[in-house]
mmCIF file of all heavy atoms, coordinates in Angstrom:
data_MODEL
# 
_entry.id   MODEL 
# 
loop_
_atom_site.group_PDB 
_atom_site.id 
_atom_site.type_symbol 
_atom_site.label_atom_id 
_atom_site.label_alt_id 
_atom_site.label_comp_id 
_atom_site.label_asym_id 
_atom_site.label_entity_id 
_atom_site.label_seq_id 
_atom_site.pdbx_PDB_ins_code 
_atom_site.Cartn_x 
_atom_site.Cartn_y 
_atom_site.Cartn_z 
_atom_site.occupancy 
_atom_site.B_iso_or_equiv 
_atom_site.pdbx_formal_charge 
_atom_site.auth_seq_id 
_atom_site.auth_comp_id 
_atom_site.auth_asym_id 
_atom_site.auth_atom_id 
_atom_site.pdbx_PDB_model_num 
ATOM 1   N N   . ILE A 1 1  ? 226.047 347.771 110.470 1.00 0.00 ? 1  ILE A N   1 
ATOM 2   C CA  . ILE A 1 1  ? 226.921 348.373 111.415 1.00 0.00 ? 1  ILE A CA  1 
ATOM 3   C C   . ILE A 1 1  ? 226.243 348.879 112.643 1.00 0.00 ? 1  ILE A C   1 
ATOM 4   O O   . ILE A 1 1  ? 226.569 348.770 113.836 1.00 0.00 ? 1  ILE A O   1 
ATOM 5   C CB  . ILE A 1 1  ? 227.784 349.540 110.714 1.00 0.00 ? 1  ILE A CB  1 
ATOM 6   C CG1 . ILE A 1 1  ? 228.751 348.871 109.759 1.00 0.00 ? 1  ILE A CG1 1 
ATOM 7   C CG2 . ILE A 1 1  ? 228.613 350.350 111.818 1.00 0.00 ? 1  ILE A CG2 1 
ATOM 8   C CD1 . ILE A 1 1  ? 229.390 349.858 108.758 1.00 0.00 ? 1  ILE A CD1 1 
ATOM 9   N N   . ARG A 1 2  ? 225.092 349.599 112.415 1.00 0.00 ? 2  ARG A N   1 
ATOM 10  C CA  . ARG A 1 2  ? 224.301 350.196 113.477 1.00 0.00 ? 2  ARG A CA  1 
ATOM 11  C C   . ARG A 1 2  ? 223.755 348.893 114.375 1.00 0.00 ? 2  ARG A C   1 
ATOM 12  O O   . ARG A 1 2  ? 223.711 349.018 115.609 1.00 0.00 ? 2  ARG A O   1 
ATOM 13  C CB  . ARG A 1 2  ? 223.145 350.953 113.001 1.00 0.00 ? 2  ARG A CB  1 
ATOM 14  C CG  . ARG A 1 2  ? 223.528 352.397 112.657 1.00 0.00 ? 2  ARG A CG  1 
ATOM 15  C CD  . ARG A 1 2  ? 222.260 353.228 112.332 1.00 0.00 ? 2  ARG A CD  1 
ATOM 16  N NE  . ARG A 1 2  ? 221.539 352.742 111.232 1.00 0.00 ? 2  ARG A NE  1 
ATOM 17  C CZ  . ARG A 1 2  ? 221.859 353.194 109.901 1.00 0.00 ? 2  ARG A CZ  1 
ATOM 18  N NH1 . ARG A 1 2  ? 222.865 353.969 109.731 1.00 0.00 ? 2  ARG A NH1 1 
ATOM 19  N NH2 . ARG A 1 2  ? 221.079 352.837 108.908 1.00 0.00 ? 2  ARG A NH2 1 
ATOM 20  N N   . ALA A 1 3  ? 223.323 347.858 113.763 1.00 0.00 ? 3  ALA A N   1 
ATOM 21  C CA  . ALA A 1 3  ? 222.888 346.664 114.542 1.00 0.00 ? 3  ALA A CA  1 
ATOM 22  C C   . ALA A 1 3  ? 223.951 346.106 115.377 1.00 0.00 ? 3  ALA A C   1 
ATOM 23  O O   . ALA A 1 3  ? 223.708 345.765 116.604 1.00 0.00 ? 3  ALA A O   1 
ATOM 24  C CB  . ALA A 1 3  ? 222.319 345.585 113.563 1.00 0.00 ? 3  ALA A CB  1 
ATOM 25  N N   . LEU A 1 4  ? 225.135 346.054 114.867 1.00 0.00 ? 4  LEU A N   1 
ATOM 26  C CA  . LEU A 1 4  ? 226.344 345.554 115.719 1.00 0.00 ? 4  LEU A CA  1 
ATOM 27  C C   . LEU A 1 4  ? 226.594 346.505 116.811 1.00 0.00 ? 4  LEU A C   1 
ATOM 28  O O   . LEU A 1 4  ? 226.990 346.139 117.960 1.00 0.00 ? 4  LEU A O   1 
ATOM 29  C CB  . LEU A 1 4  ? 227.521 345.210 114.798 1.00 0.00 ? 4  LEU A CB  1 
ATOM 30  C CG  . LEU A 1 4  ? 227.464 343.937 114.033 1.00 0.00 ? 4  LEU A CG  1 
ATOM 31  C CD1 . LEU A 1 4  ? 228.642 343.910 113.073 1.00 0.00 ? 4  LEU A CD1 1 
ATOM 32  C CD2 . LEU A 1 4  ? 227.539 342.771 114.966 1.00 0.00 ? 4  LEU A CD2 1 
ATOM 33  N N   . ASP A 1 5  ? 226.616 347.835 116.504 1.00 0.00 ? 5  ASP A N   1 
ATOM 34  C CA  . ASP A 1 5  ? 226.765 348.758 117.489 1.00 0.00 ? 5  ASP A CA  1 
ATOM 35  C C   . ASP A 1 5  ? 225.748 348.688 118.683 1.00 0.00 ? 5  ASP A C   1 
ATOM 36  O O   . ASP A 1 5  ? 226.112 348.840 119.840 1.00 0.00 ? 5  ASP A O   1 
ATOM 37  C CB  . ASP A 1 5  ? 226.738 350.209 116.970 1.00 0.00 ? 5  ASP A CB  1 
ATOM 38  C CG  . ASP A 1 5  ? 228.064 350.615 116.131 1.00 0.00 ? 5  ASP A CG  1 
ATOM 39  O OD1 . ASP A 1 5  ? 228.986 349.962 116.348 1.00 0.00 ? 5  ASP A OD1 1 
ATOM 40  O OD2 . ASP A 1 5  ? 227.902 351.591 115.350 1.00 0.00 ? 5  ASP A OD2 1 
ATOM 41  N N   . ASP A 1 6  ? 224.562 348.382 118.447 1.00 0.00 ? 6  ASP A N   1 
ATOM 42  C CA  . ASP A 1 6  ? 223.483 348.194 119.293 1.00 0.00 ? 6  ASP A CA  1 
ATOM 43  C C   . ASP A 1 6  ? 223.920 346.924 120.153 1.00 0.00 ? 6  ASP A C   1 
ATOM 44  O O   . ASP A 1 6  ? 223.795 346.944 121.465 1.00 0.00 ? 6  ASP A O   1 
ATOM 45  C CB  . ASP A 1 6  ? 222.117 347.979 118.608 1.00 0.00 ? 6  ASP A CB  1 
ATOM 46  C CG  . ASP A 1 6  ? 221.095 347.659 119.666 1.00 0.00 ? 6  ASP A CG  1 
ATOM 47  O OD1 . ASP A 1 6  ? 220.886 348.465 120.643 1.00 0.00 ? 6  ASP A OD1 1 
ATOM 48  O OD2 . ASP A 1 6  ? 220.399 346.558 119.531 1.00 0.00 ? 6  ASP A OD2 1 
ATOM 49  N N   . LEU A 1 7  ? 224.241 345.873 119.553 1.00 0.00 ? 7  LEU A N   1 
ATOM 50  C CA  . LEU A 1 7  ? 224.677 344.654 120.365 1.00 0.00 ? 7  LEU A CA  1 
ATOM 51  C C   . LEU A 1 7  ? 225.887 344.918 121.248 1.00 0.00 ? 7  LEU A C   1 
ATOM 52  O O   . LEU A 1 7  ? 225.818 344.435 122.414 1.00 0.00 ? 7  LEU A O   1 
ATOM 53  C CB  . LEU A 1 7  ? 224.995 343.446 119.292 1.00 0.00 ? 7  LEU A CB  1 
ATOM 54  C CG  . LEU A 1 7  ? 223.850 342.936 118.408 1.00 0.00 ? 7  LEU A CG  1 
ATOM 55  C CD1 . LEU A 1 7  ? 224.347 341.811 117.627 1.00 0.00 ? 7  LEU A CD1 1 
ATOM 56  C CD2 . LEU A 1 7  ? 222.566 342.645 119.119 1.00 0.00 ? 7  LEU A CD2 1 
ATOM 57  N N   . LEU A 1 8  ? 226.886 345.614 120.688 1.00 0.00 ? 8  LEU A N   1 
ATOM 58  C CA  . LEU A 1 8  ? 228.007 345.936 121.464 1.00 0.00 ? 8  LEU A CA  1 
ATOM 59  C C   . LEU A 1 8  ? 227.643 346.932 122.676 1.00 0.00 ? 8  LEU A C   1 
ATOM 60  O O   . LEU A 1 8  ? 228.065 346.675 123.757 1.00 0.00 ? 8  LEU A O   1 
ATOM 61  C CB  . LEU A 1 8  ? 229.048 346.568 120.682 1.00 0.00 ? 8  LEU A CB  1 
ATOM 62  C CG  . LEU A 1 8  ? 229.843 345.450 119.829 1.00 0.00 ? 8  LEU A CG  1 
ATOM 63  C CD1 . LEU A 1 8  ? 230.527 346.162 118.572 1.00 0.00 ? 8  LEU A CD1 1 
ATOM 64  C CD2 . LEU A 1 8  ? 230.773 344.700 120.575 1.00 0.00 ? 8  LEU A CD2 1 
ATOM 65  N N   . GLY A 1 9  ? 226.708 347.729 122.405 1.00 0.00 ? 9  GLY A N   1 
ATOM 66  C CA  . GLY A 1 9  ? 226.295 348.691 123.534 1.00 0.00 ? 9  GLY A CA  1 
ATOM 67  C C   . GLY A 1 9  ? 225.645 347.823 124.551 1.00 0.00 ? 9  GLY A C   1 
ATOM 68  O O   . GLY A 1 9  ? 225.851 348.104 125.769 1.00 0.00 ? 9  GLY A O   1 
ATOM 69  N N   . ARG A 1 10 ? 224.724 346.908 124.289 1.00 0.00 ? 10 ARG A N   1 
ATOM 70  C CA  . ARG A 1 10 ? 224.022 346.102 125.179 1.00 0.00 ? 10 ARG A CA  1 
ATOM 71  C C   . ARG A 1 10 ? 225.077 345.306 125.922 1.00 0.00 ? 10 ARG A C   1 
ATOM 72  O O   . ARG A 1 10 ? 225.012 345.225 127.201 1.00 0.00 ? 10 ARG A O   1 
ATOM 73  C CB  . ARG A 1 10 ? 223.131 345.083 124.589 1.00 0.00 ? 10 ARG A CB  1 
ATOM 74  C CG  . ARG A 1 10 ? 221.892 345.843 124.018 1.00 0.00 ? 10 ARG A CG  1 
ATOM 75  C CD  . ARG A 1 10 ? 221.092 344.913 123.209 1.00 0.00 ? 10 ARG A CD  1 
ATOM 76  N NE  . ARG A 1 10 ? 220.023 345.487 122.437 1.00 0.00 ? 10 ARG A NE  1 
ATOM 77  C CZ  . ARG A 1 10 ? 218.748 345.031 122.354 1.00 0.00 ? 10 ARG A CZ  1 
ATOM 78  N NH1 . ARG A 1 10 ? 218.437 343.891 123.039 1.00 0.00 ? 10 ARG A NH1 1 
ATOM 79  N NH2 . ARG A 1 10 ? 217.914 345.677 121.690 1.00 0.00 ? 10 ARG A NH2 1 
ATOM 80  N N   . LEU A 1 11 ? 226.065 344.676 125.319 1.00 0.00 ? 11 LEU A N   1 
ATOM 81  C CA  . LEU A 1 11 ? 227.128 343.869 125.929 1.00 0.00 ? 11 LEU A CA  1 
ATOM 82  C C   . LEU A 1 11 ? 228.035 344.798 126.810 1.00 0.00 ? 11 LEU A C   1 
ATOM 83  O O   . LEU A 1 11 ? 228.237 344.286 127.974 1.00 0.00 ? 11 LEU A O   1 
ATOM 84  C CB  . LEU A 1 11 ? 227.918 343.169 124.910 1.00 0.00 ? 11 LEU A CB  1 
ATOM 85  C CG  . LEU A 1 11 ? 228.832 342.125 125.367 1.00 0.00 ? 11 LEU A CG  1 
ATOM 86  C CD1 . LEU A 1 11 ? 228.292 341.171 126.350 1.00 0.00 ? 11 LEU A CD1 1 
ATOM 87  C CD2 . LEU A 1 11 ? 229.436 341.334 124.235 1.00 0.00 ? 11 LEU A CD2 1 
ATOM 88  N N   . HIS A 1 12 ? 228.402 345.952 126.437 1.00 0.00 ? 12 HIS A N   1 
ATOM 89  C CA  . HIS A 1 12 ? 229.234 346.682 127.314 1.00 0.00 ? 12 HIS A CA  1 
ATOM 90  C C   . HIS A 1 12 ? 228.445 347.140 128.505 1.00 0.00 ? 12 HIS A C   1 
ATOM 91  O O   . HIS A 1 12 ? 229.094 347.240 129.590 1.00 0.00 ? 12 HIS A O   1 
ATOM 92  C CB  . HIS A 1 12 ? 229.785 347.949 126.578 1.00 0.00 ? 12 HIS A CB  1 
ATOM 93  C CG  . HIS A 1 12 ? 230.850 347.626 125.608 1.00 0.00 ? 12 HIS A CG  1 
ATOM 94  N ND1 . HIS A 1 12 ? 232.042 347.161 125.977 1.00 0.00 ? 12 HIS A ND1 1 
ATOM 95  C CD2 . HIS A 1 12 ? 230.890 347.642 124.189 1.00 0.00 ? 12 HIS A CD2 1 
ATOM 96  C CE1 . HIS A 1 12 ? 232.872 346.925 124.857 1.00 0.00 ? 12 HIS A CE1 1 
ATOM 97  N NE2 . HIS A 1 12 ? 232.167 347.154 123.826 1.00 0.00 ? 12 HIS A NE2 1 
ATOM 98  N N   . ARG A 1 13 ? 227.218 347.456 128.405 1.00 0.00 ? 13 ARG A N   1 
ATOM 99  C CA  . ARG A 1 13 ? 226.302 347.721 129.587 1.00 0.00 ? 13 ARG A CA  1 
ATOM 100 C C   . ARG A 1 13 ? 226.326 346.715 130.620 1.00 0.00 ? 13 ARG A C   1 
ATOM 101 O O   . ARG A 1 13 ? 226.364 346.871 131.821 1.00 0.00 ? 13 ARG A O   1 
ATOM 102 C CB  . ARG A 1 13 ? 224.992 348.209 129.241 1.00 0.00 ? 13 ARG A CB  1 
ATOM 103 C CG  . ARG A 1 13 ? 224.931 349.633 128.592 1.00 0.00 ? 13 ARG A CG  1 
ATOM 104 C CD  . ARG A 1 13 ? 223.555 350.097 128.490 1.00 0.00 ? 13 ARG A CD  1 
ATOM 105 N NE  . ARG A 1 13 ? 222.742 349.438 127.562 1.00 0.00 ? 13 ARG A NE  1 
ATOM 106 C CZ  . ARG A 1 13 ? 222.812 349.620 126.118 1.00 0.00 ? 13 ARG A CZ  1 
ATOM 107 N NH1 . ARG A 1 13 ? 223.669 350.533 125.677 1.00 0.00 ? 13 ARG A NH1 1 
ATOM 108 N NH2 . ARG A 1 13 ? 222.107 348.927 125.334 1.00 0.00 ? 13 ARG A NH2 1 
ATOM 109 N N   . GLN A 1 14 ? 226.233 345.367 130.207 1.00 0.00 ? 14 GLN A N   1 
ATOM 110 C CA  . GLN A 1 14 ? 226.206 344.299 131.091 1.00 0.00 ? 14 GLN A CA  1 
ATOM 111 C C   . GLN A 1 14 ? 227.562 343.636 131.284 1.00 0.00 ? 14 GLN A C   1 
ATOM 112 O O   . GLN A 1 14 ? 227.545 342.663 132.161 1.00 0.00 ? 14 GLN A O   1 
ATOM 113 C CB  . GLN A 1 14 ? 225.236 343.225 130.266 1.00 0.00 ? 14 GLN A CB  1 
ATOM 114 C CG  . GLN A 1 14 ? 223.853 343.665 130.012 1.00 0.00 ? 14 GLN A CG  1 
ATOM 115 C CD  . GLN A 1 14 ? 223.134 343.999 131.313 1.00 0.00 ? 14 GLN A CD  1 
ATOM 116 O OE1 . GLN A 1 14 ? 223.439 343.408 132.335 1.00 0.00 ? 14 GLN A OE1 1 
ATOM 117 N NE2 . GLN A 1 14 ? 222.169 344.810 131.186 1.00 0.00 ? 14 GLN A NE2 1 
ATOM 118 N N   . ALA A 1 15 ? 228.640 343.960 130.639 1.00 0.00 ? 15 ALA A N   1 
ATOM 119 C CA  . ALA A 1 15 ? 229.968 343.366 130.700 1.00 0.00 ? 15 ALA A CA  1 
ATOM 120 C C   . ALA A 1 15 ? 230.442 343.267 132.225 1.00 0.00 ? 15 ALA A C   1 
ATOM 121 O O   . ALA A 1 15 ? 231.012 342.208 132.473 1.00 0.00 ? 15 ALA A O   1 
ATOM 122 C CB  . ALA A 1 15 ? 231.027 344.058 129.909 1.00 0.00 ? 15 ALA A CB  1 
ATOM 123 N N   . PRO A 1 16 ? 230.187 344.113 133.113 1.00 0.00 ? 16 PRO A N   1 
ATOM 124 C CA  . PRO A 1 16 ? 230.717 343.894 134.394 1.00 0.00 ? 16 PRO A CA  1 
ATOM 125 C C   . PRO A 1 16 ? 230.140 342.671 135.088 1.00 0.00 ? 16 PRO A C   1 
ATOM 126 O O   . PRO A 1 16 ? 230.804 342.044 136.021 1.00 0.00 ? 16 PRO A O   1 
ATOM 127 C CB  . PRO A 1 16 ? 230.241 345.136 135.128 1.00 0.00 ? 16 PRO A CB  1 
ATOM 128 C CG  . PRO A 1 16 ? 230.082 346.237 134.122 1.00 0.00 ? 16 PRO A CG  1 
ATOM 129 C CD  . PRO A 1 16 ? 229.687 345.373 132.932 1.00 0.00 ? 16 PRO A CD  1 
ATOM 130 N N   . GLU A 1 17 ? 228.816 342.271 134.748 1.00 0.00 ? 17 GLU A N   1 
ATOM 131 C CA  . GLU A 1 17 ? 228.259 341.130 135.251 1.00 0.00 ? 17 GLU A CA  1 
ATOM 132 C C   . GLU A 1 17 ? 228.775 339.834 134.605 1.00 0.00 ? 17 GLU A C   1 
ATOM 133 O O   . GLU A 1 17 ? 228.617 338.682 135.163 1.00 0.00 ? 17 GLU A O   1 
ATOM 134 C CB  . GLU A 1 17 ? 226.901 341.090 135.063 1.00 0.00 ? 17 GLU A CB  1 
ATOM 135 C CG  . GLU A 1 17 ? 226.148 342.266 135.916 1.00 0.00 ? 17 GLU A CG  1 
ATOM 136 C CD  . GLU A 1 17 ? 224.624 342.230 135.676 1.00 0.00 ? 17 GLU A CD  1 
ATOM 137 O OE1 . GLU A 1 17 ? 224.068 341.117 135.241 1.00 0.00 ? 17 GLU A OE1 1 
ATOM 138 O OE2 . GLU A 1 17 ? 224.006 343.222 135.779 1.00 0.00 ? 17 GLU A OE2 1 
ATOM 139 N N   . CYS A 1 18 ? 229.303 339.950 133.392 1.00 0.00 ? 18 CYS A N   1 
ATOM 140 C CA  . CYS A 1 18 ? 229.569 338.773 132.546 1.00 0.00 ? 18 CYS A CA  1 
ATOM 141 C C   . CYS A 1 18 ? 230.996 338.179 132.839 1.00 0.00 ? 18 CYS A C   1 
ATOM 142 O O   . CYS A 1 18 ? 231.857 338.998 133.010 1.00 0.00 ? 18 CYS A O   1 
ATOM 143 C CB  . CYS A 1 18 ? 229.525 339.114 131.113 1.00 0.00 ? 18 CYS A CB  1 
ATOM 144 S SG  . CYS A 1 18 ? 227.780 339.512 130.601 1.00 0.00 ? 18 CYS A SG  1 
ATOM 145 N N   . PRO A 1 19 ? 231.110 336.868 132.764 1.00 0.00 ? 19 PRO A N   1 
ATOM 146 C CA  . PRO A 1 19 ? 232.457 336.231 133.018 1.00 0.00 ? 19 PRO A CA  1 
ATOM 147 C C   . PRO A 1 19 ? 233.407 336.773 131.971 1.00 0.00 ? 19 PRO A C   1 
ATOM 148 O O   . PRO A 1 19 ? 233.053 336.822 130.773 1.00 0.00 ? 19 PRO A O   1 
ATOM 149 C CB  . PRO A 1 19 ? 232.152 334.845 132.858 1.00 0.00 ? 19 PRO A CB  1 
ATOM 150 C CG  . PRO A 1 19 ? 230.890 334.628 133.002 1.00 0.00 ? 19 PRO A CG  1 
ATOM 151 C CD  . PRO A 1 19 ? 230.121 335.907 132.549 1.00 0.00 ? 19 PRO A CD  1 
ATOM 152 N N   . ARG A 1 20 ? 234.668 336.946 132.310 1.00 0.00 ? 20 ARG A N   1 
ATOM 153 C CA  . ARG A 1 20 ? 235.666 337.366 131.280 1.00 0.00 ? 20 ARG A CA  1 
ATOM 154 C C   . ARG A 1 20 ? 236.695 336.165 131.151 1.00 0.00 ? 20 ARG A C   1 
ATOM 155 O O   . ARG A 1 20 ? 236.774 335.312 132.038 1.00 0.00 ? 20 ARG A O   1 
ATOM 156 C CB  . ARG A 1 20 ? 236.535 338.501 131.863 1.00 0.00 ? 20 ARG A CB  1 
ATOM 157 C CG  . ARG A 1 20 ? 235.599 339.775 132.227 1.00 0.00 ? 20 ARG A CG  1 
ATOM 158 C CD  . ARG A 1 20 ? 234.854 340.323 131.071 1.00 0.00 ? 20 ARG A CD  1 
ATOM 159 N NE  . ARG A 1 20 ? 235.639 341.434 130.572 1.00 0.00 ? 20 ARG A NE  1 
ATOM 160 C CZ  . ARG A 1 20 ? 235.100 342.256 129.636 1.00 0.00 ? 20 ARG A CZ  1 
ATOM 161 N NH1 . ARG A 1 20 ? 233.908 342.067 129.337 1.00 0.00 ? 20 ARG A NH1 1 
ATOM 162 N NH2 . ARG A 1 20 ? 235.774 343.148 129.201 1.00 0.00 ? 20 ARG A NH2 1 
ATOM 163 N N   . HIS A 1 21 ? 237.324 336.227 130.043 1.00 0.00 ? 21 HIS A N   1 
ATOM 164 C CA  . HIS A 1 21 ? 238.301 335.199 129.693 1.00 0.00 ? 21 HIS A CA  1 
ATOM 165 C C   . HIS A 1 21 ? 239.395 335.307 130.885 1.00 0.00 ? 21 HIS A C   1 
ATOM 166 O O   . HIS A 1 21 ? 239.796 336.471 131.165 1.00 0.00 ? 21 HIS A O   1 
ATOM 167 C CB  . HIS A 1 21 ? 238.900 335.410 128.426 1.00 0.00 ? 21 HIS A CB  1 
ATOM 168 C CG  . HIS A 1 21 ? 239.743 334.204 127.904 1.00 0.00 ? 21 HIS A CG  1 
ATOM 169 N ND1 . HIS A 1 21 ? 241.029 334.081 128.321 1.00 0.00 ? 21 HIS A ND1 1 
ATOM 170 C CD2 . HIS A 1 21 ? 239.535 333.147 127.181 1.00 0.00 ? 21 HIS A CD2 1 
ATOM 171 C CE1 . HIS A 1 21 ? 241.561 333.090 127.857 1.00 0.00 ? 21 HIS A CE1 1 
ATOM 172 N NE2 . HIS A 1 21 ? 240.637 332.364 127.111 1.00 0.00 ? 21 HIS A NE2 1 
ATOM 173 N N   . PRO A 1 22 ? 239.902 334.260 131.466 1.00 0.00 ? 22 PRO A N   1 
ATOM 174 C CA  . PRO A 1 22 ? 240.886 334.376 132.425 1.00 0.00 ? 22 PRO A CA  1 
ATOM 175 C C   . PRO A 1 22 ? 242.130 335.159 132.092 1.00 0.00 ? 22 PRO A C   1 
ATOM 176 O O   . PRO A 1 22 ? 242.775 335.897 132.895 1.00 0.00 ? 22 PRO A O   1 
ATOM 177 C CB  . PRO A 1 22 ? 241.344 332.912 132.809 1.00 0.00 ? 22 PRO A CB  1 
ATOM 178 C CG  . PRO A 1 22 ? 240.177 332.115 132.363 1.00 0.00 ? 22 PRO A CG  1 
ATOM 179 C CD  . PRO A 1 22 ? 239.538 332.862 131.218 1.00 0.00 ? 22 PRO A CD  1 
ATOM 180 N N   . MET A 1 23 ? 242.613 335.086 130.877 1.00 0.00 ? 23 MET A N   1 
ATOM 181 C CA  . MET A 1 23 ? 243.787 335.868 130.303 1.00 0.00 ? 23 MET A CA  1 
ATOM 182 C C   . MET A 1 23 ? 243.355 337.311 130.317 1.00 0.00 ? 23 MET A C   1 
ATOM 183 O O   . MET A 1 23 ? 244.297 338.162 130.570 1.00 0.00 ? 23 MET A O   1 
ATOM 184 C CB  . MET A 1 23 ? 244.156 335.387 128.915 1.00 0.00 ? 23 MET A CB  1 
ATOM 185 C CG  . MET A 1 23 ? 244.681 333.931 128.878 1.00 0.00 ? 23 MET A CG  1 
ATOM 186 S SD  . MET A 1 23 ? 246.115 333.631 129.611 1.00 0.00 ? 23 MET A SD  1 
ATOM 187 C CE  . MET A 1 23 ? 247.210 334.450 128.519 1.00 0.00 ? 23 MET A CE  1 
ATOM 188 N N   . ALA A 1 24 ? 242.173 337.722 129.902 1.00 0.00 ? 24 ALA A N   1 
ATOM 189 C CA  . ALA A 1 24 ? 241.817 339.145 129.901 1.00 0.00 ? 24 ALA A CA  1 
ATOM 190 C C   . ALA A 1 24 ? 241.815 339.676 131.389 1.00 0.00 ? 24 ALA A C   1 
ATOM 191 O O   . ALA A 1 24 ? 242.073 340.806 131.532 1.00 0.00 ? 24 ALA A O   1 
ATOM 192 C CB  . ALA A 1 24 ? 240.499 339.324 129.237 1.00 0.00 ? 24 ALA A CB  1 
ATOM 193 N N   . GLN A 1 25 ? 241.448 338.842 132.310 1.00 0.00 ? 25 GLN A N   1 
ATOM 194 C CA  . GLN A 1 25 ? 241.359 339.449 133.734 1.00 0.00 ? 25 GLN A CA  1 
ATOM 195 C C   . GLN A 1 25 ? 242.731 339.800 134.240 1.00 0.00 ? 25 GLN A C   1 
ATOM 196 O O   . GLN A 1 25 ? 242.767 340.803 135.079 1.00 0.00 ? 25 GLN A O   1 
ATOM 197 C CB  . GLN A 1 25 ? 240.644 338.422 134.626 1.00 0.00 ? 25 GLN A CB  1 
ATOM 198 C CG  . GLN A 1 25 ? 239.237 338.159 134.401 1.00 0.00 ? 25 GLN A CG  1 
ATOM 199 C CD  . GLN A 1 25 ? 238.719 337.091 135.191 1.00 0.00 ? 25 GLN A CD  1 
ATOM 200 O OE1 . GLN A 1 25 ? 239.286 336.507 136.195 1.00 0.00 ? 25 GLN A OE1 1 
ATOM 201 N NE2 . GLN A 1 25 ? 237.400 336.845 135.043 1.00 0.00 ? 25 GLN A NE2 1 
ATOM 202 N N   . THR A 1 26 ? 243.692 339.087 133.806 1.00 0.00 ? 26 THR A N   1 
ATOM 203 C CA  . THR A 1 26 ? 245.049 339.504 134.384 1.00 0.00 ? 26 THR A CA  1 
ATOM 204 C C   . THR A 1 26 ? 245.825 340.480 133.524 1.00 0.00 ? 26 THR A C   1 
ATOM 205 O O   . THR A 1 26 ? 246.788 341.011 133.962 1.00 0.00 ? 26 THR A O   1 
ATOM 206 C CB  . THR A 1 26 ? 245.888 338.133 134.441 1.00 0.00 ? 26 THR A CB  1 
ATOM 207 O OG1 . THR A 1 26 ? 246.082 337.649 133.139 1.00 0.00 ? 26 THR A OG1 1 
ATOM 208 C CG2 . THR A 1 26 ? 245.328 337.181 135.369 1.00 0.00 ? 26 THR A CG2 1 
# 
């Protein structure tokens, strides 16, 4: 769980740069 939390934290920090699914953007 801690390892997944670490991965999610990294992803959330970078998420503004990452492409989103078109359905999620709207």
